[in-house]
């Protein structure tokens, strides 16, 4: 008996991968839901309170409270930033520090102005510029003799103090200085000398009032005036004064090590606390694992899953307390413009002479 092959005119109908398609759709729906909830969460601010030990803090400044905000990057936190107002509630604070990137690359100043309008009029607000903000000082022709950027002038009109030179604040008969952090990390005398030489070269130009030369000369003269005022202010700092150094990018351990040595050897004024921003709490975080990625830093830190130490919150580096704000918005500092599993945060820093954990 011979074997016969059976031929079919039509091939059997293949089953469609319904299960795989359903799983893909469910995953997509879950992802969209997570992103939607995350976007909503990013409009609501959590408030943190941290006690900061300051050695030799005068008893008159015990409990002095600073509201630290950073890296808004023109984000909206509810209508006229009302979600930030709700988070602050009835909390009391004696000063506010905005440590940069409040406007960001967009240049939109209105969200910053809305925050300034939330602050009680009797509370000083200190503002520094960040690396994503428009340049704070203009050295190009722009039609008038102003040096300070427009967004900073608008912020000043709403009560902010642009922190170019040390600013003394009296509280309980004692002085607490708010200072640009870079003052303690550069050679101020050499920088002043170099600027004077540059100003002289501009004045000796064939046409010092030509628009570009004139703009650069005004820019340089402004910086010279700021340095002169800063040098005089630092001479007025006395033992027992508290110094809050504000900058956008936190100082690394190498720079703080050099500062520590200079303070010991030259008896220079020593910052009691550094306040900074930049890292936005890692921006993209995974629960239990912390930040997924932070761009590599000059001291070798950063990269994938670097942990929180030195990138957010309070730490002690070379003997200096450094507080890095978790931030409020989304920064272009990261390759992915997304704040994930990372609610915006404002921080109340309570100064104390007591040792804290």
C-alpha atoms as a PDB file:
ATOM      1  CA  UNK A   1       0.000   0.000   0.000  1.00  0.00           C
ATOM      2  CA  UNK A   2       1.601   3.252  -1.121  1.00  0.00           C
ATOM      3  CA  UNK A   3       1.831   6.367   1.055  1.00  0.00           C
ATOM      4  CA  UNK A   4      -0.242   9.186  -0.232  1.00  0.00           C
ATOM      5  CA  UNK A   5       0.424  12.808   0.537  1.00  0.00           C
ATOM      6  CA  UNK A   6      -2.518  15.005   1.270  1.00  0.00           C
ATOM      7  CA  UNK A   7      -2.416  18.406  -0.356  1.00  0.00           C
ATOM      8  CA  UNK A   8      -4.637  21.231   0.748  1.00  0.00           C
ATOM      9  CA  UNK A   9      -5.725  23.900  -1.589  1.00  0.00           C
ATOM     10  CA  UNK A  10      -5.596  26.534   1.179  1.00  0.00           C
ATOM     11  CA  UNK A  11      -3.083  26.743   4.005  1.00  0.00           C
ATOM     12  CA  UNK A  12      -4.535  26.540   7.531  1.00  0.00           C
ATOM     13  CA  UNK A  13      -5.381  29.898   9.039  1.00  0.00           C
ATOM     14  CA  UNK A  14      -2.774  31.033  11.548  1.00  0.00           C
ATOM     15  CA  UNK A  15      -3.862  32.204  14.961  1.00  0.00           C
ATOM     16  CA  UNK A  16      -3.309  35.848  15.598  1.00  0.00           C
ATOM     17  CA  UNK A  17      -1.129  36.633  18.630  1.00  0.00           C
ATOM     18  CA  UNK A  18      -4.054  38.106  20.529  1.00  0.00           C
ATOM     19  CA  UNK A  19      -2.405  37.464  23.900  1.00  0.00           C
ATOM     20  CA  UNK A  20       0.792  39.347  22.990  1.00  0.00           C
ATOM     21  CA  UNK A  21      -1.162  42.254  21.564  1.00  0.00           C
ATOM     22  CA  UNK A  22      -3.310  42.444  24.694  1.00  0.00           C
ATOM     23  CA  UNK A  23      -0.249  42.427  26.952  1.00  0.00           C
ATOM     24  CA  UNK A  24       1.348  45.201  24.884  1.00  0.00           C
ATOM     25  CA  UNK A  25      -1.798  47.306  25.087  1.00  0.00           C
ATOM     26  CA  UNK A  26      -2.047  46.768  28.840  1.00  0.00           C
ATOM     27  CA  UNK A  27       1.599  47.774  29.301  1.00  0.00           C
ATOM     28  CA  UNK A  28       1.071  50.876  27.180  1.00  0.00           C
ATOM     29  CA  UNK A  29      -2.047  51.794  29.162  1.00  0.00           C
ATOM     30  CA  UNK A  30      -0.170  51.286  32.446  1.00  0.00           C
ATOM     31  CA  UNK A  31       2.714  53.442  31.208  1.00  0.00           C
ATOM     32  CA  UNK A  32       0.362  56.225  30.144  1.00  0.00           C
ATOM     33  CA  UNK A  33      -1.399  56.062  33.517  1.00  0.00           C
ATOM     34  CA  UNK A  34       1.914  56.233  35.415  1.00  0.00           C
ATOM     35  CA  UNK A  35       3.058  59.219  33.331  1.00  0.00           C
ATOM     36  CA  UNK A  36      -0.275  60.982  33.806  1.00  0.00           C
ATOM     37  CA  UNK A  37      -0.223  60.451  37.576  1.00  0.00           C
ATOM     38  CA  UNK A  38       3.424  61.480  37.657  1.00  0.00           C
ATOM     39  CA  UNK A  39       2.635  64.686  35.757  1.00  0.00           C
ATOM     40  CA  UNK A  40      -0.111  65.479  38.251  1.00  0.00           C
ATOM     41  CA  UNK A  41       2.182  64.656  41.187  1.00  0.00           C
ATOM     42  CA  UNK A  42       4.816  67.054  39.834  1.00  0.00           C
ATOM     43  CA  UNK A  43       2.416  69.942  40.407  1.00  0.00           C
ATOM     44  CA  UNK A  44       2.206  69.275  44.155  1.00  0.00           C
ATOM     45  CA  UNK A  45       5.033  70.244  46.494  1.00  0.00           C
ATOM     46  CA  UNK A  46       6.138  68.309  49.549  1.00  0.00           C
ATOM     47  CA  UNK A  47       7.606  70.250  52.446  1.00  0.00           C
ATOM     48  CA  UNK A  48      10.653  68.915  54.270  1.00  0.00           C
ATOM     49  CA  UNK A  49      11.997  70.232  57.572  1.00  0.00           C
ATOM     50  CA  UNK A  50      15.652  69.657  58.437  1.00  0.00           C
ATOM     51  CA  UNK A  51      17.571  70.730  61.508  1.00  0.00           C
ATOM     52  CA  UNK A  52      21.086  71.856  60.637  1.00  0.00           C
ATOM     53  CA  UNK A  53      23.820  71.856  63.252  1.00  0.00           C
ATOM     54  CA  UNK A  54      25.888  75.045  63.078  1.00  0.00           C
ATOM     55  CA  UNK A  55      28.894  75.035  65.372  1.00  0.00           C
ATOM     56  CA  UNK A  56      29.110  78.028  67.701  1.00  0.00           C
ATOM     57  CA  UNK A  57      25.654  79.223  66.698  1.00  0.00           C
ATOM     58  CA  UNK A  58      24.736  82.177  68.965  1.00  0.00           C
ATOM     59  CA  UNK A  59      21.758  81.428  71.166  1.00  0.00           C
ATOM     60  CA  UNK A  60      19.957  84.415  69.634  1.00  0.00           C
ATOM     61  CA  UNK A  61      19.939  82.559  66.293  1.00  0.00           C
ATOM     62  CA  UNK A  62      18.787  79.214  67.694  1.00  0.00           C
ATOM     63  CA  UNK A  63      15.855  78.102  65.534  1.00  0.00           C
ATOM     64  CA  UNK A  64      16.524  80.645  62.762  1.00  0.00           C
ATOM     65  CA  UNK A  65      14.693  79.151  59.763  1.00  0.00           C
ATOM     66  CA  UNK A  66      15.536  79.447  56.058  1.00  0.00           C
ATOM     67  CA  UNK A  67      13.177  78.380  53.291  1.00  0.00           C
ATOM     68  CA  UNK A  68      15.347  76.830  50.566  1.00  0.00           C
ATOM     69  CA  UNK A  69      13.944  76.552  47.025  1.00  0.00           C
ATOM     70  CA  UNK A  70      15.769  75.753  43.798  1.00  0.00           C
ATOM     71  CA  UNK A  71      15.564  74.654  40.170  1.00  0.00           C
ATOM     72  CA  UNK A  72      12.030  75.754  39.393  1.00  0.00           C
ATOM     73  CA  UNK A  73      12.899  76.045  35.690  1.00  0.00           C
ATOM     74  CA  UNK A  74       9.677  78.016  35.121  1.00  0.00           C
ATOM     75  CA  UNK A  75       7.482  75.105  36.265  1.00  0.00           C
ATOM     76  CA  UNK A  76       3.849  75.635  37.182  1.00  0.00           C
ATOM     77  CA  UNK A  77       2.901  74.424  40.652  1.00  0.00           C
ATOM     78  CA  UNK A  78      -0.797  75.064  40.356  1.00  0.00           C
ATOM     79  CA  UNK A  79      -2.578  78.310  39.526  1.00  0.00           C
ATOM     80  CA  UNK A  80      -0.208  81.131  40.504  1.00  0.00           C
ATOM     81  CA  UNK A  81       1.915  78.534  42.337  1.00  0.00           C
ATOM     82  CA  UNK A  82      -0.881  77.929  44.846  1.00  0.00           C
ATOM     83  CA  UNK A  83       0.310  74.358  45.489  1.00  0.00           C
ATOM     84  CA  UNK A  84       3.559  75.728  46.889  1.00  0.00           C
ATOM     85  CA  UNK A  85       1.564  78.151  49.017  1.00  0.00           C
ATOM     86  CA  UNK A  86      -0.541  75.241  50.314  1.00  0.00           C
ATOM     87  CA  UNK A  87       2.555  73.200  51.141  1.00  0.00           C
ATOM     88  CA  UNK A  88       4.040  76.073  53.148  1.00  0.00           C
ATOM     89  CA  UNK A  89       0.799  76.603  55.051  1.00  0.00           C
ATOM     90  CA  UNK A  90       1.363  78.696  58.167  1.00  0.00           C
ATOM     91  CA  UNK A  91       5.048  77.770  58.519  1.00  0.00           C
ATOM     92  CA  UNK A  92       7.288  80.613  59.652  1.00  0.00           C
ATOM     93  CA  UNK A  93      10.714  81.398  58.233  1.00  0.00           C
ATOM     94  CA  UNK A  94      13.089  84.349  58.556  1.00  0.00           C
ATOM     95  CA  UNK A  95      14.680  84.231  55.097  1.00  0.00           C
ATOM     96  CA  UNK A  96      14.225  82.600  51.697  1.00  0.00           C
ATOM     97  CA  UNK A  97      17.035  81.351  49.445  1.00  0.00           C
ATOM     98  CA  UNK A  98      16.488  80.631  45.747  1.00  0.00           C
ATOM     99  CA  UNK A  99      19.631  78.816  44.592  1.00  0.00           C
ATOM    100  CA  UNK A 100      19.385  79.180  40.830  1.00  0.00           C
ATOM    101  CA  UNK A 101      17.685  77.857  37.688  1.00  0.00           C
ATOM    102  CA  UNK A 102      14.429  79.440  38.753  1.00  0.00           C
ATOM    103  CA  UNK A 103      13.766  80.701  35.215  1.00  0.00           C
ATOM    104  CA  UNK A 104      15.696  78.112  33.221  1.00  0.00           C
ATOM    105  CA  UNK A 105      16.301  77.928  29.494  1.00  0.00           C
ATOM    106  CA  UNK A 106      12.769  79.008  28.651  1.00  0.00           C
ATOM    107  CA  UNK A 107      13.471  82.465  30.060  1.00  0.00           C
ATOM    108  CA  UNK A 108       9.872  82.665  31.371  1.00  0.00           C
ATOM    109  CA  UNK A 109       9.993  84.800  34.471  1.00  0.00           C
ATOM    110  CA  UNK A 110       6.293  84.800  35.433  1.00  0.00           C
ATOM    111  CA  UNK A 111       6.387  81.531  37.493  1.00  0.00           C
ATOM    112  CA  UNK A 112       9.275  82.975  39.527  1.00  0.00           C
ATOM    113  CA  UNK A 113       7.429  86.260  40.065  1.00  0.00           C
ATOM    114  CA  UNK A 114       4.373  84.344  41.285  1.00  0.00           C
ATOM    115  CA  UNK A 115       6.525  82.605  43.910  1.00  0.00           C
ATOM    116  CA  UNK A 116       8.009  85.925  45.006  1.00  0.00           C
ATOM    117  CA  UNK A 117       4.503  87.309  45.431  1.00  0.00           C
ATOM    118  CA  UNK A 118       3.722  84.457  47.864  1.00  0.00           C
ATOM    119  CA  UNK A 119       6.508  85.448  50.267  1.00  0.00           C
ATOM    120  CA  UNK A 120       5.583  87.829  53.111  1.00  0.00           C
ATOM    121  CA  UNK A 121       6.925  91.324  52.453  1.00  0.00           C
ATOM    122  CA  UNK A 122       9.004  91.402  55.648  1.00  0.00           C
ATOM    123  CA  UNK A 123      10.944  88.235  54.721  1.00  0.00           C
ATOM    124  CA  UNK A 124      14.106  88.816  52.623  1.00  0.00           C
ATOM    125  CA  UNK A 125      14.454  86.661  49.509  1.00  0.00           C
ATOM    126  CA  UNK A 126      17.978  85.977  48.208  1.00  0.00           C
ATOM    127  CA  UNK A 127      18.361  84.877  44.592  1.00  0.00           C
ATOM    128  CA  UNK A 128      21.358  83.581  42.626  1.00  0.00           C
ATOM    129  CA  UNK A 129      21.442  82.618  38.957  1.00  0.00           C
ATOM    130  CA  UNK A 130      21.882  79.052  37.711  1.00  0.00           C
ATOM    131  CA  UNK A 131      23.652  77.663  34.658  1.00  0.00           C
ATOM    132  CA  UNK A 132      20.363  77.198  32.774  1.00  0.00           C
ATOM    133  CA  UNK A 133      19.136  80.712  33.521  1.00  0.00           C
ATOM    134  CA  UNK A 134      19.793  83.601  31.126  1.00  0.00           C
ATOM    135  CA  UNK A 135      23.141  85.235  31.835  1.00  0.00           C
ATOM    136  CA  UNK A 136      22.682  87.494  34.865  1.00  0.00           C
ATOM    137  CA  UNK A 137      24.916  90.253  33.479  1.00  0.00           C
ATOM    138  CA  UNK A 138      24.769  91.485  29.884  1.00  0.00           C
ATOM    139  CA  UNK A 139      28.016  92.182  28.019  1.00  0.00           C
ATOM    140  CA  UNK A 140      26.513  92.576  24.532  1.00  0.00           C
ATOM    141  CA  UNK A 141      24.811  95.668  23.030  1.00  0.00           C
ATOM    142  CA  UNK A 142      21.098  95.658  23.852  1.00  0.00           C
ATOM    143  CA  UNK A 143      19.884  99.211  23.374  1.00  0.00           C
ATOM    144  CA  UNK A 144      20.360 100.668  26.862  1.00  0.00           C
ATOM    145  CA  UNK A 145      22.934 101.036  29.625  1.00  0.00           C
ATOM    146  CA  UNK A 146      21.574  98.302  31.890  1.00  0.00           C
ATOM    147  CA  UNK A 147      23.939  95.530  32.946  1.00  0.00           C
ATOM    148  CA  UNK A 148      21.611  93.355  35.007  1.00  0.00           C
ATOM    149  CA  UNK A 149      19.423  90.972  32.959  1.00  0.00           C
ATOM    150  CA  UNK A 150      15.763  91.814  32.512  1.00  0.00           C
ATOM    151  CA  UNK A 151      14.509  88.778  34.459  1.00  0.00           C
ATOM    152  CA  UNK A 152      16.616  89.763  37.476  1.00  0.00           C
ATOM    153  CA  UNK A 153      15.361  93.349  37.349  1.00  0.00           C
ATOM    154  CA  UNK A 154      11.798  92.021  37.282  1.00  0.00           C
ATOM    155  CA  UNK A 155      12.581  89.745  40.233  1.00  0.00           C
ATOM    156  CA  UNK A 156      13.991  92.723  42.144  1.00  0.00           C
ATOM    157  CA  UNK A 157      10.792  94.678  41.439  1.00  0.00           C
ATOM    158  CA  UNK A 158       8.903  91.812  43.148  1.00  0.00           C
ATOM    159  CA  UNK A 159      11.105  91.914  46.249  1.00  0.00           C
ATOM    160  CA  UNK A 160      14.047  89.602  45.466  1.00  0.00           C
ATOM    161  CA  UNK A 161      17.617  90.495  46.404  1.00  0.00           C
ATOM    162  CA  UNK A 162      20.027  89.430  43.664  1.00  0.00           C
ATOM    163  CA  UNK A 163      22.886  88.091  45.750  1.00  0.00           C
ATOM    164  CA  UNK A 164      25.999  89.606  44.156  1.00  0.00           C
ATOM    165  CA  UNK A 165      27.623  90.882  47.339  1.00  0.00           C
ATOM    166  CA  UNK A 166      27.406  89.721  50.984  1.00  0.00           C
ATOM    167  CA  UNK A 167      24.192  90.872  52.620  1.00  0.00           C
ATOM    168  CA  UNK A 168      24.007  91.242  56.437  1.00  0.00           C
ATOM    169  CA  UNK A 169      20.750  90.375  58.165  1.00  0.00           C
ATOM    170  CA  UNK A 170      20.275  91.293  61.802  1.00  0.00           C
ATOM    171  CA  UNK A 171      18.331  88.924  64.033  1.00  0.00           C
ATOM    172  CA  UNK A 172      18.216  89.049  67.829  1.00  0.00           C
ATOM    173  CA  UNK A 173      21.138  91.439  67.896  1.00  0.00           C
ATOM    174  CA  UNK A 174      23.369  89.041  65.927  1.00  0.00           C
ATOM    175  CA  UNK A 175      24.409  89.094  62.269  1.00  0.00           C
ATOM    176  CA  UNK A 176      23.803  86.388  59.714  1.00  0.00           C
ATOM    177  CA  UNK A 177      25.441  86.998  56.325  1.00  0.00           C
ATOM    178  CA  UNK A 178      24.028  85.707  53.045  1.00  0.00           C
ATOM    179  CA  UNK A 179      26.851  85.554  50.509  1.00  0.00           C
ATOM    180  CA  UNK A 180      27.554  84.351  46.968  1.00  0.00           C
ATOM    181  CA  UNK A 181      29.320  81.038  47.537  1.00  0.00           C
ATOM    182  CA  UNK A 182      31.939  81.677  44.846  1.00  0.00           C
ATOM    183  CA  UNK A 183      33.451  84.438  46.984  1.00  0.00           C
ATOM    184  CA  UNK A 184      34.988  81.744  49.174  1.00  0.00           C
ATOM    185  CA  UNK A 185      36.162  79.532  46.325  1.00  0.00           C
ATOM    186  CA  UNK A 186      38.099  81.981  44.120  1.00  0.00           C
ATOM    187  CA  UNK A 187      41.188  84.114  44.611  1.00  0.00           C
ATOM    188  CA  UNK A 188      39.325  87.392  44.965  1.00  0.00           C
ATOM    189  CA  UNK A 189      42.418  89.620  44.840  1.00  0.00           C
ATOM    190  CA  UNK A 190      43.765  88.066  41.635  1.00  0.00           C
ATOM    191  CA  UNK A 191      40.333  88.116  40.011  1.00  0.00           C
ATOM    192  CA  UNK A 192      39.981  91.808  40.894  1.00  0.00           C
ATOM    193  CA  UNK A 193      43.426  92.596  39.443  1.00  0.00           C
ATOM    194  CA  UNK A 194      42.630  90.739  36.185  1.00  0.00           C
ATOM    195  CA  UNK A 195      39.343  92.628  35.806  1.00  0.00           C
ATOM    196  CA  UNK A 196      41.066  95.970  36.326  1.00  0.00           C
ATOM    197  CA  UNK A 197      43.569  95.124  33.608  1.00  0.00           C
ATOM    198  CA  UNK A 198      40.750  94.147  31.248  1.00  0.00           C
ATOM    199  CA  UNK A 199      38.847  97.374  32.002  1.00  0.00           C
ATOM    200  CA  UNK A 200      41.991  99.406  31.263  1.00  0.00           C
ATOM    201  CA  UNK A 201      42.411  97.661  27.909  1.00  0.00           C
ATOM    202  CA  UNK A 202      38.800  98.434  26.975  1.00  0.00           C
ATOM    203  CA  UNK A 203      39.190 102.097  27.943  1.00  0.00           C
ATOM    204  CA  UNK A 204      42.357 102.299  25.848  1.00  0.00           C
ATOM    205  CA  UNK A 205      40.565 100.973  22.770  1.00  0.00           C
ATOM    206  CA  UNK A 206      40.406 103.189  19.691  1.00  0.00           C
ATOM    207  CA  UNK A 207      36.692 103.787  20.262  1.00  0.00           C
ATOM    208  CA  UNK A 208      35.692 102.807  23.808  1.00  0.00           C
ATOM    209  CA  UNK A 209      32.120 104.001  23.186  1.00  0.00           C
ATOM    210  CA  UNK A 210      31.534 101.716  20.213  1.00  0.00           C
ATOM    211  CA  UNK A 211      28.435  99.608  21.151  1.00  0.00           C
ATOM    212  CA  UNK A 212      30.214  96.296  21.755  1.00  0.00           C
ATOM    213  CA  UNK A 213      33.182  97.817  23.572  1.00  0.00           C
ATOM    214  CA  UNK A 214      30.859 100.039  25.602  1.00  0.00           C
ATOM    215  CA  UNK A 215      28.700  97.092  26.679  1.00  0.00           C
ATOM    216  CA  UNK A 216      31.750  95.082  27.726  1.00  0.00           C
ATOM    217  CA  UNK A 217      33.178  98.056  29.614  1.00  0.00           C
ATOM    218  CA  UNK A 218      29.929  98.579  31.569  1.00  0.00           C
ATOM    219  CA  UNK A 219      29.835  94.826  32.327  1.00  0.00           C
ATOM    220  CA  UNK A 220      33.433  94.859  33.580  1.00  0.00           C
ATOM    221  CA  UNK A 221      32.972  98.014  35.652  1.00  0.00           C
ATOM    222  CA  UNK A 222      29.903  96.490  37.274  1.00  0.00           C
ATOM    223  CA  UNK A 223      31.851  93.374  38.222  1.00  0.00           C
ATOM    224  CA  UNK A 224      34.675  95.506  39.612  1.00  0.00           C
ATOM    225  CA  UNK A 225      32.207  97.441  41.772  1.00  0.00           C
ATOM    226  CA  UNK A 226      30.721  94.154  43.020  1.00  0.00           C
ATOM    227  CA  UNK A 227      34.182  92.823  43.909  1.00  0.00           C
ATOM    228  CA  UNK A 228      35.120  96.026  45.731  1.00  0.00           C
ATOM    229  CA  UNK A 229      31.896  95.922  47.752  1.00  0.00           C
ATOM    230  CA  UNK A 230      32.399  92.213  48.486  1.00  0.00           C
ATOM    231  CA  UNK A 231      35.936  92.745  49.740  1.00  0.00           C
ATOM    232  CA  UNK A 232      34.749  95.512  52.065  1.00  0.00           C
ATOM    233  CA  UNK A 233      31.850  93.388  53.330  1.00  0.00           C
ATOM    234  CA  UNK A 234      34.144  90.466  54.110  1.00  0.00           C
ATOM    235  CA  UNK A 235      36.314  92.788  56.221  1.00  0.00           C
ATOM    236  CA  UNK A 236      33.224  93.590  58.302  1.00  0.00           C
ATOM    237  CA  UNK A 237      32.529  89.935  59.140  1.00  0.00           C
ATOM    238  CA  UNK A 238      33.263  89.241  62.772  1.00  0.00           C
ATOM    239  CA  UNK A 239      33.844  86.146  64.847  1.00  0.00           C
ATOM    240  CA  UNK A 240      30.463  84.845  65.898  1.00  0.00           C
ATOM    241  CA  UNK A 241      28.734  85.978  62.698  1.00  0.00           C
ATOM    242  CA  UNK A 242      26.961  83.225  60.790  1.00  0.00           C
ATOM    243  CA  UNK A 243      27.718  82.984  57.063  1.00  0.00           C
ATOM    244  CA  UNK A 244      25.322  81.322  54.609  1.00  0.00           C
ATOM    245  CA  UNK A 245      27.066  80.750  51.256  1.00  0.00           C
ATOM    246  CA  UNK A 246      24.675  80.391  48.322  1.00  0.00           C
ATOM    247  CA  UNK A 247      25.543  78.970  44.891  1.00  0.00           C
ATOM    248  CA  UNK A 248      23.832  76.943  42.202  1.00  0.00           C
ATOM    249  CA  UNK A 249      26.248  74.064  41.630  1.00  0.00           C
ATOM    250  CA  UNK A 250      27.397  72.542  44.948  1.00  0.00           C
ATOM    251  CA  UNK A 251      31.110  72.860  45.735  1.00  0.00           C
ATOM    252  CA  UNK A 252      32.988  69.589  45.372  1.00  0.00           C
ATOM    253  CA  UNK A 253      35.159  68.023  48.054  1.00  0.00           C
ATOM    254  CA  UNK A 254      38.420  69.227  46.472  1.00  0.00           C
ATOM    255  CA  UNK A 255      37.366  72.894  46.504  1.00  0.00           C
ATOM    256  CA  UNK A 256      36.045  72.620  50.039  1.00  0.00           C
ATOM    257  CA  UNK A 257      39.282  70.967  51.138  1.00  0.00           C
ATOM    258  CA  UNK A 258      41.238  73.917  49.748  1.00  0.00           C
ATOM    259  CA  UNK A 259      38.875  76.348  51.477  1.00  0.00           C
ATOM    260  CA  UNK A 260      39.280  74.535  54.789  1.00  0.00           C
ATOM    261  CA  UNK A 261      43.051  74.885  54.530  1.00  0.00           C
ATOM    262  CA  UNK A 262      42.798  78.599  53.645  1.00  0.00           C
ATOM    263  CA  UNK A 263      40.493  79.252  56.589  1.00  0.00           C
ATOM    264  CA  UNK A 264      42.990  77.621  58.977  1.00  0.00           C
ATOM    265  CA  UNK A 265      46.118  79.241  57.545  1.00  0.00           C
ATOM    266  CA  UNK A 266      44.884  82.715  56.588  1.00  0.00           C
ATOM    267  CA  UNK A 267      42.131  83.068  59.212  1.00  0.00           C
ATOM    268  CA  UNK A 268      39.566  83.898  56.530  1.00  0.00           C
ATOM    269  CA  UNK A 269      35.812  84.093  57.222  1.00  0.00           C
ATOM    270  CA  UNK A 270      34.422  80.576  57.143  1.00  0.00           C
ATOM    271  CA  UNK A 271      30.977  79.701  55.741  1.00  0.00           C
ATOM    272  CA  UNK A 272      28.686  78.126  58.321  1.00  0.00           C
ATOM    273  CA  UNK A 273      26.481  76.480  55.681  1.00  0.00           C
ATOM    274  CA  UNK A 274      26.453  76.101  51.892  1.00  0.00           C
ATOM    275  CA  UNK A 275      23.104  76.104  50.055  1.00  0.00           C
ATOM    276  CA  UNK A 276      22.946  74.829  46.473  1.00  0.00           C
ATOM    277  CA  UNK A 277      20.765  73.117  43.873  1.00  0.00           C
ATOM    278  CA  UNK A 278      21.541  71.725  40.405  1.00  0.00           C
ATOM    279  CA  UNK A 279      20.729  68.014  40.730  1.00  0.00           C
ATOM    280  CA  UNK A 280      16.924  68.018  41.188  1.00  0.00           C
ATOM    281  CA  UNK A 281      17.112  64.990  43.482  1.00  0.00           C
ATOM    282  CA  UNK A 282      18.371  62.960  40.504  1.00  0.00           C
ATOM    283  CA  UNK A 283      15.270  63.964  38.514  1.00  0.00           C
ATOM    284  CA  UNK A 284      14.437  60.365  37.480  1.00  0.00           C
ATOM    285  CA  UNK A 285      14.316  58.037  40.492  1.00  0.00           C
ATOM    286  CA  UNK A 286      13.307  54.455  41.139  1.00  0.00           C
ATOM    287  CA  UNK A 287      11.674  53.564  44.463  1.00  0.00           C
ATOM    288  CA  UNK A 288      14.227  51.979  46.765  1.00  0.00           C
ATOM    289  CA  UNK A 289      17.115  52.644  44.356  1.00  0.00           C
ATOM    290  CA  UNK A 290      17.327  56.440  44.282  1.00  0.00           C
ATOM    291  CA  UNK A 291      18.493  58.449  41.266  1.00  0.00           C
ATOM    292  CA  UNK A 292      18.933  56.456  38.056  1.00  0.00           C
ATOM    293  CA  UNK A 293      21.585  58.707  36.552  1.00  0.00           C
ATOM    294  CA  UNK A 294      23.497  61.864  37.412  1.00  0.00           C
ATOM    295  CA  UNK A 295      25.979  63.309  34.889  1.00  0.00           C
ATOM    296  CA  UNK A 296      29.598  62.545  35.847  1.00  0.00           C
ATOM    297  CA  UNK A 297      31.143  65.144  38.149  1.00  0.00           C
ATOM    298  CA  UNK A 298      34.706  66.542  38.225  1.00  0.00           C
ATOM    299  CA  UNK A 299      35.473  64.578  41.398  1.00  0.00           C
ATOM    300  CA  UNK A 300      34.535  61.282  39.728  1.00  0.00           C
ATOM    301  CA  UNK A 301      31.115  60.870  41.318  1.00  0.00           C
ATOM    302  CA  UNK A 302      27.849  60.542  39.416  1.00  0.00           C
ATOM    303  CA  UNK A 303      26.960  58.027  36.709  1.00  0.00           C
ATOM    304  CA  UNK A 304      24.279  55.339  37.009  1.00  0.00           C
ATOM    305  CA  UNK A 305      22.675  54.654  40.402  1.00  0.00           C
ATOM    306  CA  UNK A 306      25.105  56.879  42.340  1.00  0.00           C
ATOM    307  CA  UNK A 307      22.976  57.097  45.496  1.00  0.00           C
ATOM    308  CA  UNK A 308      21.854  60.285  47.201  1.00  0.00           C
ATOM    309  CA  UNK A 309      24.984  61.198  49.148  1.00  0.00           C
ATOM    310  CA  UNK A 310      26.378  64.476  47.839  1.00  0.00           C
ATOM    311  CA  UNK A 311      23.519  65.004  45.400  1.00  0.00           C
ATOM    312  CA  UNK A 312      20.523  65.833  47.548  1.00  0.00           C
ATOM    313  CA  UNK A 313      19.751  66.773  51.123  1.00  0.00           C
ATOM    314  CA  UNK A 314      22.194  67.622  53.884  1.00  0.00           C
ATOM    315  CA  UNK A 315      25.750  66.323  54.089  1.00  0.00           C
ATOM    316  CA  UNK A 316      29.049  67.309  55.697  1.00  0.00           C
ATOM    317  CA  UNK A 317      31.962  67.739  53.292  1.00  0.00           C
ATOM    318  CA  UNK A 318      35.428  68.625  54.602  1.00  0.00           C
ATOM    319  CA  UNK A 319      33.772  69.954  57.736  1.00  0.00           C
ATOM    320  CA  UNK A 320      31.285  72.193  55.901  1.00  0.00           C
ATOM    321  CA  UNK A 321      27.526  71.516  56.032  1.00  0.00           C
ATOM    322  CA  UNK A 322      26.105  71.525  52.496  1.00  0.00           C
ATOM    323  CA  UNK A 323      22.390  71.412  51.751  1.00  0.00           C
ATOM    324  CA  UNK A 324      21.377  70.551  48.179  1.00  0.00           C
ATOM    325  CA  UNK A 325      17.747  71.280  47.403  1.00  0.00           C
ATOM    326  CA  UNK A 326      15.664  68.467  45.846  1.00  0.00           C
ATOM    327  CA  UNK A 327      14.327  71.088  43.436  1.00  0.00           C
ATOM    328  CA  UNK A 328      10.943  72.039  42.064  1.00  0.00           C
ATOM    329  CA  UNK A 329      11.014  71.587  38.285  1.00  0.00           C
ATOM    330  CA  UNK A 330      12.558  69.745  35.347  1.00  0.00           C
ATOM    331  CA  UNK A 331      16.119  70.596  34.366  1.00  0.00           C
ATOM    332  CA  UNK A 332      17.848  70.395  30.991  1.00  0.00           C
ATOM    333  CA  UNK A 333      20.927  69.229  32.890  1.00  0.00           C
ATOM    334  CA  UNK A 334      19.751  65.658  32.283  1.00  0.00           C
ATOM    335  CA  UNK A 335      19.392  63.843  28.924  1.00  0.00           C
ATOM    336  CA  UNK A 336      15.756  62.990  29.709  1.00  0.00           C
ATOM    337  CA  UNK A 337      13.557  66.058  30.400  1.00  0.00           C
ATOM    338  CA  UNK A 338      11.354  64.207  32.874  1.00  0.00           C
ATOM    339  CA  UNK A 339      10.876  64.278  36.638  1.00  0.00           C
ATOM    340  CA  UNK A 340       9.799  60.743  37.568  1.00  0.00           C
ATOM    341  CA  UNK A 341       8.853  59.329  41.016  1.00  0.00           C
ATOM    342  CA  UNK A 342      10.272  62.541  42.408  1.00  0.00           C
ATOM    343  CA  UNK A 343       7.796  65.074  43.786  1.00  0.00           C
ATOM    344  CA  UNK A 344       8.984  68.684  43.901  1.00  0.00           C
ATOM    345  CA  UNK A 345      10.228  69.689  47.324  1.00  0.00           C
ATOM    346  CA  UNK A 346      10.703  72.810  49.408  1.00  0.00           C
ATOM    347  CA  UNK A 347      12.919  72.661  52.498  1.00  0.00           C
ATOM    348  CA  UNK A 348      12.764  74.477  55.799  1.00  0.00           C
ATOM    349  CA  UNK A 349      16.256  74.558  57.320  1.00  0.00           C
ATOM    350  CA  UNK A 350      16.225  75.161  61.063  1.00  0.00           C
ATOM    351  CA  UNK A 351      19.601  76.267  62.454  1.00  0.00           C
ATOM    352  CA  UNK A 352      20.589  74.816  65.806  1.00  0.00           C
ATOM    353  CA  UNK A 353      23.676  74.536  67.982  1.00  0.00           C
ATOM    354  CA  UNK A 354      22.567  71.064  69.077  1.00  0.00           C
ATOM    355  CA  UNK A 355      24.013  67.992  67.426  1.00  0.00           C
ATOM    356  CA  UNK A 356      21.517  66.417  65.023  1.00  0.00           C
ATOM    357  CA  UNK A 357      21.453  63.059  63.283  1.00  0.00           C
END
